[in-house]
Amino acid sequence: MTGQPVLALDLGATRLRAGVVRADGRVVARSAGDTPGERGPAAVLDAAIRHLRTVRDAVDGATRSSLGGLGISAVGPLDPRSGRLVEPPNIGPGFEDMALAAPLADALGLPAVLERDTVVAALAEGAFGAARGARDFIYITVSTGIGGAIVAAGRILGGADGVAGEIGHQPVSLDGPPCGCGAPGHLEAFSSGAGIARRARAAVAAGDAPLLAARAARLAPAALQAADVAATADAGDPIAARLMEEGRTAFAHAVVGLVNVLNPELVVVGGGLARAEGERLLGTARRAVEELAFTIPRRRVRIVEASLGDDVGLAGAQPLLAERLFAAGIR
């Protein structure tokens, strides 16, 4: 790690978090709020700067003066080399080709590095969490969207353009529902919070799900979320149960493909929806791997829950800056 405390920003589709992170990954100051994506890029930048200044000003003077940089975790797709968001499907309209690292660096007076949230989470889990000591592992987050990162021989597998690991956008059906990115049949369309909610709203609109419709009637029509679908499924609604089960099955089959192709030691699964689903999601994936994966990678791989919780996008600023900034001699 850097040895210095750093500023961290975790820009999610629905929540924005900022923190000051010590060299051991411990977050010593926090500030959080909703991501104002519906109000556009300028509002998101303003909110990020406000929260970052709040945590910077919350620490003592010695810590503040020794801050080594700003690590930014954000929803993808993005371009880590230019520090720009590219076309994130879940945050809101108007974020295509949005500069993020440079304006934040200017506002805070620190060098800044931007990376996709799942890459930052993988770095955090590898340095401080469930994948500590592993050199070949996959990190998957199942939340509003689905993302991933691949660590091979101890290093992030970035691909030719640095954007490899978009696990949520692998097709799992030839004619499935549209994903938030517009393409049909992606994993995210079946297994993410946004995808489950979108499919549930479609079932309600078609008149196929009376119990879901009754729950939706108590909410604003667009407010039906994956948590509502899960609760309705647990209450015995067959349509909601089918949607949740299809989400788990699609996720499990995607994991089988990743295990066969990449032969990881670990598959680390994080994210709010994954935590809520728990063993129902992970157990389905483990059983599918045991039944369907090739023998050699199946015997090695373990599918485990991420251990850092909501701090993962903040703690990862330390290894991110160590790898991309300090190792390059920029600070």
C-alpha atoms as a PDB file:
ATOM      1  CA  MET A   1       0.000   0.000   0.000  1.00  0.00           C
ATOM      2  CA  THR A   2       0.992   3.636  -0.158  1.00  0.00           C
ATOM      3  CA  GLY A   3       1.811   4.181   3.511  1.00  0.00           C
ATOM      4  CA  GLN A   4      -0.122   7.449   3.255  1.00  0.00           C
ATOM      5  CA  PRO A   5      -3.785   8.105   3.942  1.00  0.00           C
ATOM      6  CA  VAL A   6      -5.793   8.765   0.802  1.00  0.00           C
ATOM      7  CA  LEU A   7      -9.118  10.231  -0.193  1.00  0.00           C
ATOM      8  CA  ALA A   8     -11.631   7.822  -1.708  1.00  0.00           C
ATOM      9  CA  LEU A   9     -14.820   8.283  -3.695  1.00  0.00           C
ATOM     10  CA  ASP A  10     -17.267   5.474  -4.445  1.00  0.00           C
ATOM     11  CA  LEU A  11     -19.741   6.660  -7.092  1.00  0.00           C
ATOM     12  CA  GLY A  12     -22.574   4.159  -7.396  1.00  0.00           C
ATOM     13  CA  ALA A  13     -25.738   4.236  -9.450  1.00  0.00           C
ATOM     14  CA  THR A  14     -27.842   5.046  -6.382  1.00  0.00           C
ATOM     15  CA  ARG A  15     -25.404   5.949  -3.573  1.00  0.00           C
ATOM     16  CA  LEU A  16     -22.310   8.111  -3.362  1.00  0.00           C
ATOM     17  CA  ARG A  17     -19.732   7.552  -0.611  1.00  0.00           C
ATOM     18  CA  ALA A  18     -16.546   9.366   0.298  1.00  0.00           C
ATOM     19  CA  GLY A  19     -13.903   8.516   2.861  1.00  0.00           C
ATOM     20  CA  VAL A  20     -10.384   8.921   4.165  1.00  0.00           C
ATOM     21  CA  VAL A  21      -8.580   5.573   4.073  1.00  0.00           C
ATOM     22  CA  ARG A  22      -5.458   4.661   6.006  1.00  0.00           C
ATOM     23  CA  ALA A  23      -2.737   2.368   4.640  1.00  0.00           C
ATOM     24  CA  ASP A  24      -4.281  -0.694   6.282  1.00  0.00           C
ATOM     25  CA  GLY A  25      -7.586  -0.143   4.504  1.00  0.00           C
ATOM     26  CA  ARG A  26      -9.334   1.288   7.552  1.00  0.00           C
ATOM     27  CA  VAL A  27     -11.817   4.059   6.742  1.00  0.00           C
ATOM     28  CA  VAL A  28     -11.434   6.797   9.333  1.00  0.00           C
ATOM     29  CA  ALA A  29     -13.912   9.374   7.993  1.00  0.00           C
ATOM     30  CA  ARG A  30     -17.068   8.855   5.947  1.00  0.00           C
ATOM     31  CA  SER A  31     -19.749  10.856   4.196  1.00  0.00           C
ATOM     32  CA  ALA A  32     -22.555   9.469   2.025  1.00  0.00           C
ATOM     33  CA  GLY A  33     -25.724  10.423   0.211  1.00  0.00           C
ATOM     34  CA  ASP A  34     -27.899   9.591  -2.744  1.00  0.00           C
ATOM     35  CA  THR A  35     -26.364   9.895  -6.211  1.00  0.00           C
ATOM     36  CA  PRO A  36     -28.292  12.719  -7.924  1.00  0.00           C
ATOM     37  CA  GLY A  37     -28.014  11.079 -11.335  1.00  0.00           C
ATOM     38  CA  GLU A  38     -31.418  12.256 -12.489  1.00  0.00           C
ATOM     39  CA  ARG A  39     -30.165  15.846 -12.187  1.00  0.00           C
ATOM     40  CA  GLY A  40     -27.249  15.249 -14.526  1.00  0.00           C
ATOM     41  CA  PRO A  41     -23.430  15.243 -14.469  1.00  0.00           C
ATOM     42  CA  ALA A  42     -22.941  18.690 -12.912  1.00  0.00           C
ATOM     43  CA  ALA A  43     -25.057  17.752  -9.892  1.00  0.00           C
ATOM     44  CA  VAL A  44     -23.123  14.508  -9.426  1.00  0.00           C
ATOM     45  CA  LEU A  45     -19.785  16.336  -9.601  1.00  0.00           C
ATOM     46  CA  ASP A  46     -20.981  18.919  -7.082  1.00  0.00           C
ATOM     47  CA  ALA A  47     -22.171  16.197  -4.699  1.00  0.00           C
ATOM     48  CA  ALA A  48     -18.899  14.282  -5.015  1.00  0.00           C
ATOM     49  CA  ILE A  49     -16.827  17.369  -4.281  1.00  0.00           C
ATOM     50  CA  ARG A  50     -19.014  18.255  -1.302  1.00  0.00           C
ATOM     51  CA  HIS A  51     -18.692  14.804   0.266  1.00  0.00           C
ATOM     52  CA  LEU A  52     -14.944  14.624  -0.402  1.00  0.00           C
ATOM     53  CA  ARG A  53     -14.380  18.003   1.236  1.00  0.00           C
ATOM     54  CA  THR A  54     -16.482  16.900   4.194  1.00  0.00           C
ATOM     55  CA  VAL A  55     -14.305  13.861   4.918  1.00  0.00           C
ATOM     56  CA  ARG A  56     -11.076  15.744   4.226  1.00  0.00           C
ATOM     57  CA  ASP A  57     -12.052  18.394   6.733  1.00  0.00           C
ATOM     58  CA  ALA A  58     -13.136  15.787   9.312  1.00  0.00           C
ATOM     59  CA  VAL A  59      -9.630  14.406   9.915  1.00  0.00           C
ATOM     60  CA  ASP A  60      -6.830  15.999  11.913  1.00  0.00           C
ATOM     61  CA  GLY A  61      -4.388  18.385  10.302  1.00  0.00           C
ATOM     62  CA  ALA A  62      -1.518  15.893  10.125  1.00  0.00           C
ATOM     63  CA  THR A  63      -3.672  13.375   8.278  1.00  0.00           C
ATOM     64  CA  ARG A  64      -5.078  16.055   6.002  1.00  0.00           C
ATOM     65  CA  SER A  65      -1.643  17.352   5.036  1.00  0.00           C
ATOM     66  CA  SER A  66      -0.344  13.845   4.273  1.00  0.00           C
ATOM     67  CA  LEU A  67      -3.146  12.769   1.932  1.00  0.00           C
ATOM     68  CA  GLY A  68      -1.448  11.105  -1.005  1.00  0.00           C
ATOM     69  CA  GLY A  69      -4.113  11.107  -3.692  1.00  0.00           C
ATOM     70  CA  LEU A  70      -7.720  10.469  -4.619  1.00  0.00           C
ATOM     71  CA  GLY A  71      -8.915   7.032  -5.661  1.00  0.00           C
ATOM     72  CA  ILE A  72     -12.237   7.025  -7.514  1.00  0.00           C
ATOM     73  CA  SER A  73     -14.439   3.965  -7.867  1.00  0.00           C
ATOM     74  CA  ALA A  74     -17.304   4.469 -10.329  1.00  0.00           C
ATOM     75  CA  VAL A  75     -19.904   2.586 -12.290  1.00  0.00           C
ATOM     76  CA  GLY A  76     -18.831   1.501 -15.753  1.00  0.00           C
ATOM     77  CA  PRO A  77     -18.284   1.329 -18.567  1.00  0.00           C
ATOM     78  CA  LEU A  78     -15.539   3.927 -18.193  1.00  0.00           C
ATOM     79  CA  ASP A  79     -12.081   4.698 -19.531  1.00  0.00           C
ATOM     80  CA  PRO A  80      -9.554   4.513 -16.693  1.00  0.00           C
ATOM     81  CA  ARG A  81      -6.797   5.919 -18.880  1.00  0.00           C
ATOM     82  CA  SER A  82      -8.572   9.176 -19.664  1.00  0.00           C
ATOM     83  CA  GLY A  83     -10.455   9.341 -16.359  1.00  0.00           C
ATOM     84  CA  ARG A  84     -13.851   9.573 -18.061  1.00  0.00           C
ATOM     85  CA  LEU A  85     -17.165   7.785 -17.787  1.00  0.00           C
ATOM     86  CA  VAL A  86     -18.057   6.276 -21.170  1.00  0.00           C
ATOM     87  CA  GLU A  87     -21.683   5.164 -21.227  1.00  0.00           C
ATOM     88  CA  PRO A  88     -22.905   3.990 -17.796  1.00  0.00           C
ATOM     89  CA  PRO A  89     -26.425   2.576 -18.272  1.00  0.00           C
ATOM     90  CA  ASN A  90     -27.672   2.769 -14.681  1.00  0.00           C
ATOM     91  CA  ILE A  91     -26.742   6.182 -13.293  1.00  0.00           C
ATOM     92  CA  GLY A  92     -28.934   8.452 -15.429  1.00  0.00           C
ATOM     93  CA  PRO A  93     -29.014  10.336 -18.743  1.00  0.00           C
ATOM     94  CA  GLY A  94     -26.239  12.568 -20.002  1.00  0.00           C
ATOM     95  CA  PHE A  95     -23.177  10.788 -18.585  1.00  0.00           C
ATOM     96  CA  GLU A  96     -21.625   9.654 -21.877  1.00  0.00           C
ATOM     97  CA  ASP A  97     -17.968  10.699 -22.138  1.00  0.00           C
ATOM     98  CA  MET A  98     -18.099  12.613 -18.854  1.00  0.00           C
ATOM     99  CA  ALA A  99     -14.763  13.758 -17.403  1.00  0.00           C
ATOM    100  CA  LEU A 100     -14.594  12.703 -13.750  1.00  0.00           C
ATOM    101  CA  ALA A 101     -10.997  12.331 -12.548  1.00  0.00           C
ATOM    102  CA  ALA A 102      -9.681  15.684 -13.791  1.00  0.00           C
ATOM    103  CA  PRO A 103     -12.372  17.970 -12.318  1.00  0.00           C
ATOM    104  CA  LEU A 104     -12.205  16.145  -8.982  1.00  0.00           C
ATOM    105  CA  ALA A 105      -8.411  16.379  -8.943  1.00  0.00           C
ATOM    106  CA  ASP A 106      -8.636  20.102  -9.622  1.00  0.00           C
ATOM    107  CA  ALA A 107     -11.256  20.632  -6.913  1.00  0.00           C
ATOM    108  CA  LEU A 108      -9.366  18.688  -4.231  1.00  0.00           C
ATOM    109  CA  GLY A 109      -5.828  19.581  -5.236  1.00  0.00           C
ATOM    110  CA  LEU A 110      -4.724  15.938  -5.378  1.00  0.00           C
ATOM    111  CA  PRO A 111      -3.759  13.572  -8.188  1.00  0.00           C
ATOM    112  CA  ALA A 112      -6.722  11.329  -8.970  1.00  0.00           C
ATOM    113  CA  VAL A 113      -7.117   7.866 -10.471  1.00  0.00           C
ATOM    114  CA  LEU A 114     -10.444   6.563 -11.801  1.00  0.00           C
ATOM    115  CA  GLU A 115     -11.308   2.898 -12.117  1.00  0.00           C
ATOM    116  CA  ARG A 116     -14.431   0.791 -12.509  1.00  0.00           C
ATOM    117  CA  ASP A 117     -16.076  -0.018  -9.178  1.00  0.00           C
ATOM    118  CA  THR A 118     -15.633  -3.761  -9.531  1.00  0.00           C
ATOM    119  CA  VAL A 119     -11.913  -3.421 -10.242  1.00  0.00           C
ATOM    120  CA  VAL A 120     -11.524  -1.293  -7.117  1.00  0.00           C
ATOM    121  CA  ALA A 121     -13.532  -3.843  -5.133  1.00  0.00           C
ATOM    122  CA  ALA A 122     -11.368  -6.687  -6.436  1.00  0.00           C
ATOM    123  CA  LEU A 123      -8.228  -4.799  -5.409  1.00  0.00           C
ATOM    124  CA  ALA A 124      -9.716  -4.199  -1.951  1.00  0.00           C
ATOM    125  CA  GLU A 125     -10.780  -7.819  -1.425  1.00  0.00           C
ATOM    126  CA  GLY A 126      -7.356  -8.977  -2.618  1.00  0.00           C
ATOM    127  CA  ALA A 127      -5.492  -6.619  -0.284  1.00  0.00           C
ATOM    128  CA  PHE A 128      -7.702  -6.668   2.808  1.00  0.00           C
ATOM    129  CA  GLY A 129     -10.591  -9.114   2.405  1.00  0.00           C
ATOM    130  CA  ALA A 130     -11.899 -12.456   1.202  1.00  0.00           C
ATOM    131  CA  ALA A 131      -9.310 -12.893  -1.581  1.00  0.00           C
ATOM    132  CA  ARG A 132      -6.235 -11.975   0.437  1.00  0.00           C
ATOM    133  CA  GLY A 133      -3.377 -14.184  -0.763  1.00  0.00           C
ATOM    134  CA  ALA A 134      -5.171 -15.368  -3.910  1.00  0.00           C
ATOM    135  CA  ARG A 135      -3.481 -14.682  -7.246  1.00  0.00           C
ATOM    136  CA  ASP A 136      -6.217 -15.872  -9.600  1.00  0.00           C
ATOM    137  CA  PHE A 137      -9.751 -14.868  -8.715  1.00  0.00           C
ATOM    138  CA  ILE A 138     -12.902 -13.275 -10.085  1.00  0.00           C
ATOM    139  CA  TYR A 139     -14.850 -10.595  -8.259  1.00  0.00           C
ATOM    140  CA  ILE A 140     -18.550 -10.191  -9.096  1.00  0.00           C
ATOM    141  CA  THR A 141     -20.906  -7.621  -7.648  1.00  0.00           C
ATOM    142  CA  VAL A 142     -24.645  -8.237  -7.785  1.00  0.00           C
ATOM    143  CA  SER A 143     -26.484  -5.049  -6.937  1.00  0.00           C
ATOM    144  CA  THR A 144     -28.403  -2.446  -8.973  1.00  0.00           C
ATOM    145  CA  GLY A 145     -26.270  -3.691 -11.855  1.00  0.00           C
ATOM    146  CA  ILE A 146     -23.828  -6.566 -12.210  1.00  0.00           C
ATOM    147  CA  GLY A 147     -20.134  -5.968 -12.689  1.00  0.00           C
ATOM    148  CA  GLY A 148     -16.931  -7.867 -12.349  1.00  0.00           C
ATOM    149  CA  ALA A 149     -13.172  -7.893 -12.390  1.00  0.00           C
ATOM    150  CA  ILE A 150     -10.652 -10.596 -13.167  1.00  0.00           C
ATOM    151  CA  VAL A 151      -7.365 -10.998 -11.325  1.00  0.00           C
ATOM    152  CA  ALA A 152      -4.855 -13.200 -13.157  1.00  0.00           C
ATOM    153  CA  ALA A 153      -1.418 -13.977 -11.727  1.00  0.00           C
ATOM    154  CA  GLY A 154      -1.935 -11.257  -9.126  1.00  0.00           C
ATOM    155  CA  ARG A 155      -2.822  -8.472 -11.551  1.00  0.00           C
ATOM    156  CA  ILE A 156      -6.058  -7.024 -12.901  1.00  0.00           C
ATOM    157  CA  LEU A 157      -6.803  -8.371 -16.367  1.00  0.00           C
ATOM    158  CA  GLY A 158      -7.636  -5.178 -18.231  1.00  0.00           C
ATOM    159  CA  GLY A 159      -7.671  -6.314 -21.837  1.00  0.00           C
ATOM    160  CA  ALA A 160      -6.449  -4.341 -24.827  1.00  0.00           C
ATOM    161  CA  ASP A 161      -8.279  -1.162 -23.786  1.00  0.00           C
ATOM    162  CA  GLY A 162      -8.370  -1.598 -20.022  1.00  0.00           C
ATOM    163  CA  VAL A 163     -12.099  -2.353 -19.899  1.00  0.00           C
ATOM    164  CA  ALA A 164     -12.183  -6.160 -19.527  1.00  0.00           C
ATOM    165  CA  GLY A 165     -14.398  -7.705 -16.862  1.00  0.00           C
ATOM    166  CA  GLU A 166     -17.887  -6.451 -17.765  1.00  0.00           C
ATOM    167  CA  ILE A 167     -19.363  -9.716 -16.491  1.00  0.00           C
ATOM    168  CA  GLY A 168     -22.897  -8.351 -16.295  1.00  0.00           C
ATOM    169  CA  HIS A 169     -22.936  -7.837 -20.035  1.00  0.00           C
ATOM    170  CA  GLN A 170     -22.231 -11.389 -21.117  1.00  0.00           C
ATOM    171  CA  PRO A 171     -25.228 -12.890 -22.940  1.00  0.00           C
ATOM    172  CA  VAL A 172     -27.019 -15.712 -21.103  1.00  0.00           C
ATOM    173  CA  SER A 173     -29.993 -15.916 -23.488  1.00  0.00           C
ATOM    174  CA  LEU A 174     -30.296 -15.529 -27.246  1.00  0.00           C
ATOM    175  CA  ASP A 175     -33.679 -13.799 -27.048  1.00  0.00           C
ATOM    176  CA  GLY A 176     -33.878 -12.563 -23.475  1.00  0.00           C
ATOM    177  CA  PRO A 177     -35.173  -9.213 -22.187  1.00  0.00           C
ATOM    178  CA  PRO A 178     -33.255  -6.023 -22.984  1.00  0.00           C
ATOM    179  CA  CYS A 179     -30.447  -5.031 -20.660  1.00  0.00           C
ATOM    180  CA  GLY A 180     -30.025  -1.474 -19.421  1.00  0.00           C
ATOM    181  CA  CYS A 181     -27.345  -1.087 -22.100  1.00  0.00           C
ATOM    182  CA  GLY A 182     -29.922  -1.935 -24.785  1.00  0.00           C
ATOM    183  CA  ALA A 183     -28.639  -5.351 -25.854  1.00  0.00           C
ATOM    184  CA  PRO A 184     -30.840  -8.435 -25.358  1.00  0.00           C
ATOM    185  CA  GLY A 185     -30.281 -11.330 -22.999  1.00  0.00           C
ATOM    186  CA  HIS A 186     -27.431 -10.056 -20.845  1.00  0.00           C
ATOM    187  CA  LEU A 187     -26.862 -11.447 -17.359  1.00  0.00           C
ATOM    188  CA  GLU A 188     -27.666  -8.032 -15.875  1.00  0.00           C
ATOM    189  CA  ALA A 189     -31.146  -8.139 -17.434  1.00  0.00           C
ATOM    190  CA  PHE A 190     -31.967 -11.319 -15.480  1.00  0.00           C
ATOM    191  CA  SER A 191     -30.006 -11.135 -12.232  1.00  0.00           C
ATOM    192  CA  SER A 192     -29.380  -7.504 -11.243  1.00  0.00           C
ATOM    193  CA  GLY A 193     -31.668  -5.455  -9.048  1.00  0.00           C
ATOM    194  CA  ALA A 194     -32.532  -3.187 -11.958  1.00  0.00           C
ATOM    195  CA  GLY A 195     -33.147  -6.143 -14.272  1.00  0.00           C
ATOM    196  CA  ILE A 196     -35.390  -7.996 -11.829  1.00  0.00           C
ATOM    197  CA  ALA A 197     -37.378  -4.824 -11.160  1.00  0.00           C
ATOM    198  CA  ARG A 198     -37.719  -4.107 -14.879  1.00  0.00           C
ATOM    199  CA  ARG A 199     -39.026  -7.618 -15.580  1.00  0.00           C
ATOM    200  CA  ALA A 200     -41.427  -7.377 -12.636  1.00  0.00           C
ATOM    201  CA  ARG A 201     -42.844  -4.083 -13.888  1.00  0.00           C
ATOM    202  CA  ALA A 202     -43.347  -5.642 -17.314  1.00  0.00           C
ATOM    203  CA  ALA A 203     -45.238  -8.558 -15.732  1.00  0.00           C
ATOM    204  CA  VAL A 204     -47.453  -6.124 -13.825  1.00  0.00           C
ATOM    205  CA  ALA A 205     -48.118  -4.082 -16.968  1.00  0.00           C
ATOM    206  CA  ALA A 206     -49.093  -7.255 -18.842  1.00  0.00           C
ATOM    207  CA  GLY A 207     -51.530  -8.250 -16.094  1.00  0.00           C
ATOM    208  CA  ASP A 208     -49.633 -11.458 -15.365  1.00  0.00           C
ATOM    209  CA  ALA A 209     -48.748 -10.815 -11.705  1.00  0.00           C
ATOM    210  CA  PRO A 210     -51.679  -9.784  -9.489  1.00  0.00           C
ATOM    211  CA  LEU A 211     -49.777 -10.004  -6.195  1.00  0.00           C
ATOM    212  CA  LEU A 212     -46.931  -7.947  -7.601  1.00  0.00           C
ATOM    213  CA  ALA A 213     -49.518  -5.522  -8.974  1.00  0.00           C
ATOM    214  CA  ALA A 214     -51.093  -5.201  -5.538  1.00  0.00           C
ATOM    215  CA  ARG A 215     -47.722  -4.391  -4.018  1.00  0.00           C
ATOM    216  CA  ALA A 216     -46.919  -1.964  -6.833  1.00  0.00           C
ATOM    217  CA  ALA A 217     -50.266  -0.226  -6.270  1.00  0.00           C
ATOM    218  CA  ARG A 218     -49.036   0.836  -2.828  1.00  0.00           C
ATOM    219  CA  LEU A 219     -45.987   2.433  -4.444  1.00  0.00           C
ATOM    220  CA  ALA A 220     -45.385   4.799  -7.310  1.00  0.00           C
ATOM    221  CA  PRO A 221     -45.594   2.603 -10.439  1.00  0.00           C
ATOM    222  CA  ALA A 222     -41.898   2.965 -11.216  1.00  0.00           C
ATOM    223  CA  ALA A 223     -40.883   2.361  -7.588  1.00  0.00           C
ATOM    224  CA  LEU A 224     -41.240  -1.440  -7.637  1.00  0.00           C
ATOM    225  CA  GLN A 225     -37.758  -2.719  -6.814  1.00  0.00           C
ATOM    226  CA  ALA A 226     -35.993  -6.074  -6.589  1.00  0.00           C
ATOM    227  CA  ALA A 227     -36.520  -6.090  -2.812  1.00  0.00           C
ATOM    228  CA  ASP A 228     -40.284  -5.888  -3.428  1.00  0.00           C
ATOM    229  CA  VAL A 229     -40.074  -8.774  -5.888  1.00  0.00           C
ATOM    230  CA  ALA A 230     -38.109 -10.866  -3.384  1.00  0.00           C
ATOM    231  CA  ALA A 231     -40.589 -10.101  -0.590  1.00  0.00           C
ATOM    232  CA  THR A 232     -43.528 -10.976  -2.833  1.00  0.00           C
ATOM    233  CA  ALA A 233     -41.814 -14.215  -3.824  1.00  0.00           C
ATOM    234  CA  ASP A 234     -41.291 -15.102  -0.153  1.00  0.00           C
ATOM    235  CA  ALA A 235     -45.006 -14.420   0.404  1.00  0.00           C
ATOM    236  CA  GLY A 236     -45.837 -17.141  -2.101  1.00  0.00           C
ATOM    237  CA  ASP A 237     -46.366 -15.313  -5.386  1.00  0.00           C
ATOM    238  CA  PRO A 238     -45.386 -17.710  -8.220  1.00  0.00           C
ATOM    239  CA  ILE A 239     -44.529 -14.982 -10.752  1.00  0.00           C
ATOM    240  CA  ALA A 240     -42.205 -13.187  -8.360  1.00  0.00           C
ATOM    241  CA  ALA A 241     -40.692 -16.538  -7.326  1.00  0.00           C
ATOM    242  CA  ARG A 242     -40.034 -17.398 -10.971  1.00  0.00           C
ATOM    243  CA  LEU A 243     -38.327 -14.069 -11.612  1.00  0.00           C
ATOM    244  CA  MET A 244     -36.054 -14.496  -8.584  1.00  0.00           C
ATOM    245  CA  GLU A 245     -35.241 -18.115  -9.455  1.00  0.00           C
ATOM    246  CA  GLU A 246     -34.454 -17.226 -13.055  1.00  0.00           C
ATOM    247  CA  GLY A 247     -32.111 -14.521 -11.785  1.00  0.00           C
ATOM    248  CA  ARG A 248     -30.269 -16.998  -9.567  1.00  0.00           C
ATOM    249  CA  THR A 249     -30.070 -19.592 -12.342  1.00  0.00           C
ATOM    250  CA  ALA A 250     -28.750 -17.114 -14.905  1.00  0.00           C
ATOM    251  CA  PHE A 251     -26.101 -15.996 -12.423  1.00  0.00           C
ATOM    252  CA  ALA A 252     -25.126 -19.592 -11.653  1.00  0.00           C
ATOM    253  CA  HIS A 253     -24.723 -20.499 -15.319  1.00  0.00           C
ATOM    254  CA  ALA A 254     -22.628 -17.395 -15.931  1.00  0.00           C
ATOM    255  CA  VAL A 255     -20.344 -18.455 -13.066  1.00  0.00           C
ATOM    256  CA  VAL A 256     -19.977 -21.921 -14.620  1.00  0.00           C
ATOM    257  CA  GLY A 257     -18.773 -20.309 -17.846  1.00  0.00           C
ATOM    258  CA  LEU A 258     -16.297 -18.102 -15.999  1.00  0.00           C
ATOM    259  CA  VAL A 259     -14.925 -21.067 -14.058  1.00  0.00           C
ATOM    260  CA  ASN A 260     -14.471 -23.095 -17.247  1.00  0.00           C
ATOM    261  CA  VAL A 261     -12.798 -20.253 -19.126  1.00  0.00           C
ATOM    262  CA  LEU A 262     -10.626 -18.683 -16.414  1.00  0.00           C
ATOM    263  CA  ASN A 263      -9.863 -21.495 -13.909  1.00  0.00           C
ATOM    264  CA  PRO A 264      -9.901 -19.218 -10.831  1.00  0.00           C
ATOM    265  CA  GLU A 265      -9.028 -20.113  -7.258  1.00  0.00           C
ATOM    266  CA  LEU A 266     -11.951 -18.058  -5.979  1.00  0.00           C
ATOM    267  CA  VAL A 267     -15.120 -16.407  -7.150  1.00  0.00           C
ATOM    268  CA  VAL A 268     -15.797 -13.584  -4.676  1.00  0.00           C
ATOM    269  CA  VAL A 269     -19.378 -12.307  -4.752  1.00  0.00           C
ATOM    270  CA  GLY A 270     -20.356  -8.932  -3.292  1.00  0.00           C
ATOM    271  CA  GLY A 271     -23.029  -6.273  -3.678  1.00  0.00           C
ATOM    272  CA  GLY A 272     -26.235  -5.397  -1.888  1.00  0.00           C
ATOM    273  CA  LEU A 273     -28.481  -7.852  -3.729  1.00  0.00           C
ATOM    274  CA  ALA A 274     -25.968 -10.674  -3.228  1.00  0.00           C
ATOM    275  CA  ARG A 275     -25.883  -9.951   0.510  1.00  0.00           C
ATOM    276  CA  ALA A 276     -29.686  -9.957   0.664  1.00  0.00           C
ATOM    277  CA  GLU A 277     -29.929 -13.225  -1.273  1.00  0.00           C
ATOM    278  CA  GLY A 278     -27.090 -14.905   0.621  1.00  0.00           C
ATOM    279  CA  GLU A 279     -26.927 -18.652   0.264  1.00  0.00           C
ATOM    280  CA  ARG A 280     -29.887 -18.721  -2.112  1.00  0.00           C
ATOM    281  CA  LEU A 281     -27.671 -17.057  -4.715  1.00  0.00           C
ATOM    282  CA  LEU A 282     -24.268 -18.493  -3.780  1.00  0.00           C
ATOM    283  CA  GLY A 283     -25.612 -21.975  -3.125  1.00  0.00           C
ATOM    284  CA  THR A 284     -27.282 -22.061  -6.530  1.00  0.00           C
ATOM    285  CA  ALA A 285     -23.969 -21.099  -8.126  1.00  0.00           C
ATOM    286  CA  ARG A 286     -22.022 -23.709  -6.149  1.00  0.00           C
ATOM    287  CA  ARG A 287     -24.427 -26.470  -7.153  1.00  0.00           C
ATOM    288  CA  ALA A 288     -24.282 -25.438 -10.804  1.00  0.00           C
ATOM    289  CA  VAL A 289     -20.486 -25.445 -10.793  1.00  0.00           C
ATOM    290  CA  GLU A 290     -20.433 -28.868  -9.134  1.00  0.00           C
ATOM    291  CA  GLU A 291     -22.839 -30.272 -11.729  1.00  0.00           C
ATOM    292  CA  LEU A 292     -21.752 -28.472 -14.906  1.00  0.00           C
ATOM    293  CA  ALA A 293     -18.187 -27.160 -14.736  1.00  0.00           C
ATOM    294  CA  PHE A 294     -15.161 -29.021 -16.062  1.00  0.00           C
ATOM    295  CA  THR A 295     -13.550 -31.329 -13.536  1.00  0.00           C
ATOM    296  CA  ILE A 296     -10.171 -29.654 -13.009  1.00  0.00           C
ATOM    297  CA  PRO A 297     -11.344 -26.052 -12.431  1.00  0.00           C
ATOM    298  CA  ARG A 298     -14.395 -27.311 -10.492  1.00  0.00           C
ATOM    299  CA  ARG A 299     -12.185 -29.087  -7.960  1.00  0.00           C
ATOM    300  CA  ARG A 300     -10.110 -25.992  -7.282  1.00  0.00           C
ATOM    301  CA  VAL A 301     -12.601 -23.118  -7.218  1.00  0.00           C
ATOM    302  CA  ARG A 302     -14.400 -21.827  -4.148  1.00  0.00           C
ATOM    303  CA  ILE A 303     -17.331 -19.422  -4.340  1.00  0.00           C
ATOM    304  CA  VAL A 304     -17.261 -17.107  -1.337  1.00  0.00           C
ATOM    305  CA  GLU A 305     -19.001 -14.008  -0.066  1.00  0.00           C
ATOM    306  CA  ALA A 306     -17.105 -10.715  -0.166  1.00  0.00           C
ATOM    307  CA  SER A 307     -16.024  -9.575   3.287  1.00  0.00           C
ATOM    308  CA  LEU A 308     -15.645  -5.778   3.161  1.00  0.00           C
ATOM    309  CA  GLY A 309     -19.287  -4.778   2.716  1.00  0.00           C
ATOM    310  CA  ASP A 310     -20.046  -1.178   1.856  1.00  0.00           C
ATOM    311  CA  ASP A 311     -16.448  -0.136   2.591  1.00  0.00           C
ATOM    312  CA  VAL A 312     -15.084  -2.088  -0.379  1.00  0.00           C
ATOM    313  CA  GLY A 313     -15.241   0.838  -2.817  1.00  0.00           C
ATOM    314  CA  LEU A 314     -13.442   3.073  -0.334  1.00  0.00           C
ATOM    315  CA  ALA A 315     -10.807   0.651   0.959  1.00  0.00           C
ATOM    316  CA  GLY A 316      -9.819  -0.168  -2.608  1.00  0.00           C
ATOM    317  CA  ALA A 317      -8.520   3.373  -3.107  1.00  0.00           C
ATOM    318  CA  GLN A 318      -5.362   2.317  -1.276  1.00  0.00           C
ATOM    319  CA  PRO A 319      -4.291  -0.544  -3.591  1.00  0.00           C
ATOM    320  CA  LEU A 320      -5.603   1.382  -6.613  1.00  0.00           C
ATOM    321  CA  LEU A 321      -3.350   4.360  -5.919  1.00  0.00           C
ATOM    322  CA  ALA A 322      -0.455   2.101  -4.960  1.00  0.00           C
ATOM    323  CA  GLU A 323      -0.707   0.333  -8.317  1.00  0.00           C
ATOM    324  CA  ARG A 324      -1.512   3.229 -10.654  1.00  0.00           C
ATOM    325  CA  LEU A 325      -0.059   6.333  -9.024  1.00  0.00           C
ATOM    326  CA  PHE A 326       2.635   5.739  -6.460  1.00  0.00           C
ATOM    327  CA  ALA A 327       4.295   2.852  -8.307  1.00  0.00           C
ATOM    328  CA  ALA A 328       4.613   5.147 -11.326  1.00  0.00           C
ATOM    329  CA  GLY A 329       6.441   7.725  -9.215  1.00  0.00           C
ATOM    330  CA  ILE A 330       3.779  10.392  -9.641  1.00  0.00           C
ATOM    331  CA  ARG A 331       3.770  11.112  -5.890  1.00  0.00           C
END
